[in-house]
Amino acid sequence: MTMKNKEYWINWAKKAGIRAVKTVAQTAVGVIGSAVALGEVNWILVVSSAVLAGVVSLLTSVAGLPELETTEE
């Protein structure tokens, strides 16, 4: 296993960050939508669910990002 260069990791962090932010937003919308249907939005639940989804997204990105072009030199 070879270490990637600094540029690779900067690119990875950007791609993983974008994916995590999208996941956080999607989760928040889903939880808010469900809460509205039930009649009350629990903002602590919305925030904690969204943050957890973001963390899981970042951890999943460790396994690999299809968006990240890997070219070996």
C-alpha atoms as a PDB file:
ATOM      1  CA  MET A   1       0.000   0.000   0.000  1.00  0.00           C
ATOM      2  CA  THR A   2       1.498   3.306  -1.039  1.00  0.00           C
ATOM      3  CA  MET A   3       0.818   6.658   0.535  1.00  0.00           C
ATOM      4  CA  LYS A   4      -0.919   9.122  -1.714  1.00  0.00           C
ATOM      5  CA  ASN A   5       0.464  12.593  -2.200  1.00  0.00           C
ATOM      6  CA  LYS A   6      -0.789  15.733  -0.480  1.00  0.00           C
ATOM      7  CA  GLU A   7      -2.814  16.808  -3.525  1.00  0.00           C
ATOM      8  CA  TYR A   8      -4.712  13.503  -3.472  1.00  0.00           C
ATOM      9  CA  TRP A   9      -5.715  13.970   0.175  1.00  0.00           C
ATOM     10  CA  ILE A  10      -6.775  17.587  -0.346  1.00  0.00           C
ATOM     11  CA  ASN A  11      -8.917  16.482  -3.278  1.00  0.00           C
ATOM     12  CA  TRP A  12     -10.306  13.583  -1.223  1.00  0.00           C
ATOM     13  CA  ALA A  13     -11.225  15.915   1.652  1.00  0.00           C
ATOM     14  CA  LYS A  14     -13.058  18.275  -0.705  1.00  0.00           C
ATOM     15  CA  LYS A  15     -15.010  15.467  -2.378  1.00  0.00           C
ATOM     16  CA  ALA A  16     -15.821  13.731   0.918  1.00  0.00           C
ATOM     17  CA  GLY A  17     -16.839  17.056   2.457  1.00  0.00           C
ATOM     18  CA  ILE A  18     -19.203  17.857  -0.403  1.00  0.00           C
ATOM     19  CA  ARG A  19     -20.752  14.406  -0.132  1.00  0.00           C
ATOM     20  CA  ALA A  20     -21.132  14.765   3.653  1.00  0.00           C
ATOM     21  CA  VAL A  21     -22.778  18.211   3.373  1.00  0.00           C
ATOM     22  CA  LYS A  22     -25.268  16.859   0.822  1.00  0.00           C
ATOM     23  CA  THR A  23     -26.020  13.914   3.103  1.00  0.00           C
ATOM     24  CA  VAL A  24     -26.535  16.225   6.101  1.00  0.00           C
ATOM     25  CA  ALA A  25     -28.964  18.388   4.113  1.00  0.00           C
ATOM     26  CA  GLN A  26     -30.898  15.402   2.781  1.00  0.00           C
ATOM     27  CA  THR A  27     -31.190  13.888   6.235  1.00  0.00           C
ATOM     28  CA  ALA A  28     -32.364  17.165   7.770  1.00  0.00           C
ATOM     29  CA  VAL A  29     -35.042  17.570   5.084  1.00  0.00           C
ATOM     30  CA  GLY A  30     -36.224  14.006   5.637  1.00  0.00           C
ATOM     31  CA  VAL A  31     -36.387  14.299   9.418  1.00  0.00           C
ATOM     32  CA  ILE A  32     -38.093  17.711   9.260  1.00  0.00           C
ATOM     33  CA  GLY A  33     -40.633  16.346   6.776  1.00  0.00           C
ATOM     34  CA  SER A  34     -41.420  13.404   9.023  1.00  0.00           C
ATOM     35  CA  ALA A  35     -41.649  15.613  12.091  1.00  0.00           C
ATOM     36  CA  VAL A  36     -44.019  18.053  10.385  1.00  0.00           C
ATOM     37  CA  ALA A  37     -46.262  15.144   9.437  1.00  0.00           C
ATOM     38  CA  LEU A  38     -46.350  14.148  13.111  1.00  0.00           C
ATOM     39  CA  GLY A  39     -47.148  17.707  14.170  1.00  0.00           C
ATOM     40  CA  GLU A  40     -43.997  18.908  15.914  1.00  0.00           C
ATOM     41  CA  VAL A  41     -40.385  19.430  14.864  1.00  0.00           C
ATOM     42  CA  ASN A  42     -37.864  18.326  17.470  1.00  0.00           C
ATOM     43  CA  TRP A  43     -34.836  20.390  16.449  1.00  0.00           C
ATOM     44  CA  ILE A  44     -32.443  18.424  18.652  1.00  0.00           C
ATOM     45  CA  LEU A  45     -33.476  15.253  16.809  1.00  0.00           C
ATOM     46  CA  VAL A  46     -33.097  16.992  13.435  1.00  0.00           C
ATOM     47  CA  VAL A  47     -29.594  18.286  14.208  1.00  0.00           C
ATOM     48  CA  SER A  48     -28.341  15.101  15.851  1.00  0.00           C
ATOM     49  CA  SER A  49     -29.657  12.921  12.999  1.00  0.00           C
ATOM     50  CA  ALA A  50     -28.108  15.185  10.379  1.00  0.00           C
ATOM     51  CA  VAL A  51     -24.729  15.315  12.141  1.00  0.00           C
ATOM     52  CA  LEU A  52     -24.690  11.537  12.566  1.00  0.00           C
ATOM     53  CA  ALA A  53     -25.472  11.104   8.870  1.00  0.00           C
ATOM     54  CA  GLY A  54     -22.572  13.418   8.017  1.00  0.00           C
ATOM     55  CA  VAL A  55     -20.159  11.428  10.174  1.00  0.00           C
ATOM     56  CA  VAL A  56     -21.332   8.157   8.628  1.00  0.00           C
ATOM     57  CA  SER A  57     -20.888   9.675   5.168  1.00  0.00           C
ATOM     58  CA  LEU A  58     -17.282  10.647   5.939  1.00  0.00           C
ATOM     59  CA  LEU A  59     -16.536   7.205   7.350  1.00  0.00           C
ATOM     60  CA  THR A  60     -18.053   5.586   4.266  1.00  0.00           C
ATOM     61  CA  SER A  61     -15.889   7.807   2.079  1.00  0.00           C
ATOM     62  CA  VAL A  62     -12.797   6.261   3.673  1.00  0.00           C
ATOM     63  CA  ALA A  63     -13.670   3.055   1.814  1.00  0.00           C
ATOM     64  CA  GLY A  64     -13.575   4.932  -1.475  1.00  0.00           C
ATOM     65  CA  LEU A  65     -15.077   7.771  -3.432  1.00  0.00           C
ATOM     66  CA  PRO A  66     -16.327   7.055  -6.951  1.00  0.00           C
ATOM     67  CA  GLU A  67     -16.095  10.810  -7.633  1.00  0.00           C
ATOM     68  CA  LEU A  68     -12.360  10.775  -6.945  1.00  0.00           C
ATOM     69  CA  GLU A  69     -10.305  10.080 -10.021  1.00  0.00           C
ATOM     70  CA  THR A  70      -7.419   7.811  -9.124  1.00  0.00           C
ATOM     71  CA  THR A  71      -4.553   7.918 -11.539  1.00  0.00           C
ATOM     72  CA  GLU A  72      -1.390   6.125 -10.593  1.00  0.00           C
ATOM     73  CA  GLU A  73       1.814   7.593 -11.979  1.00  0.00           C
END
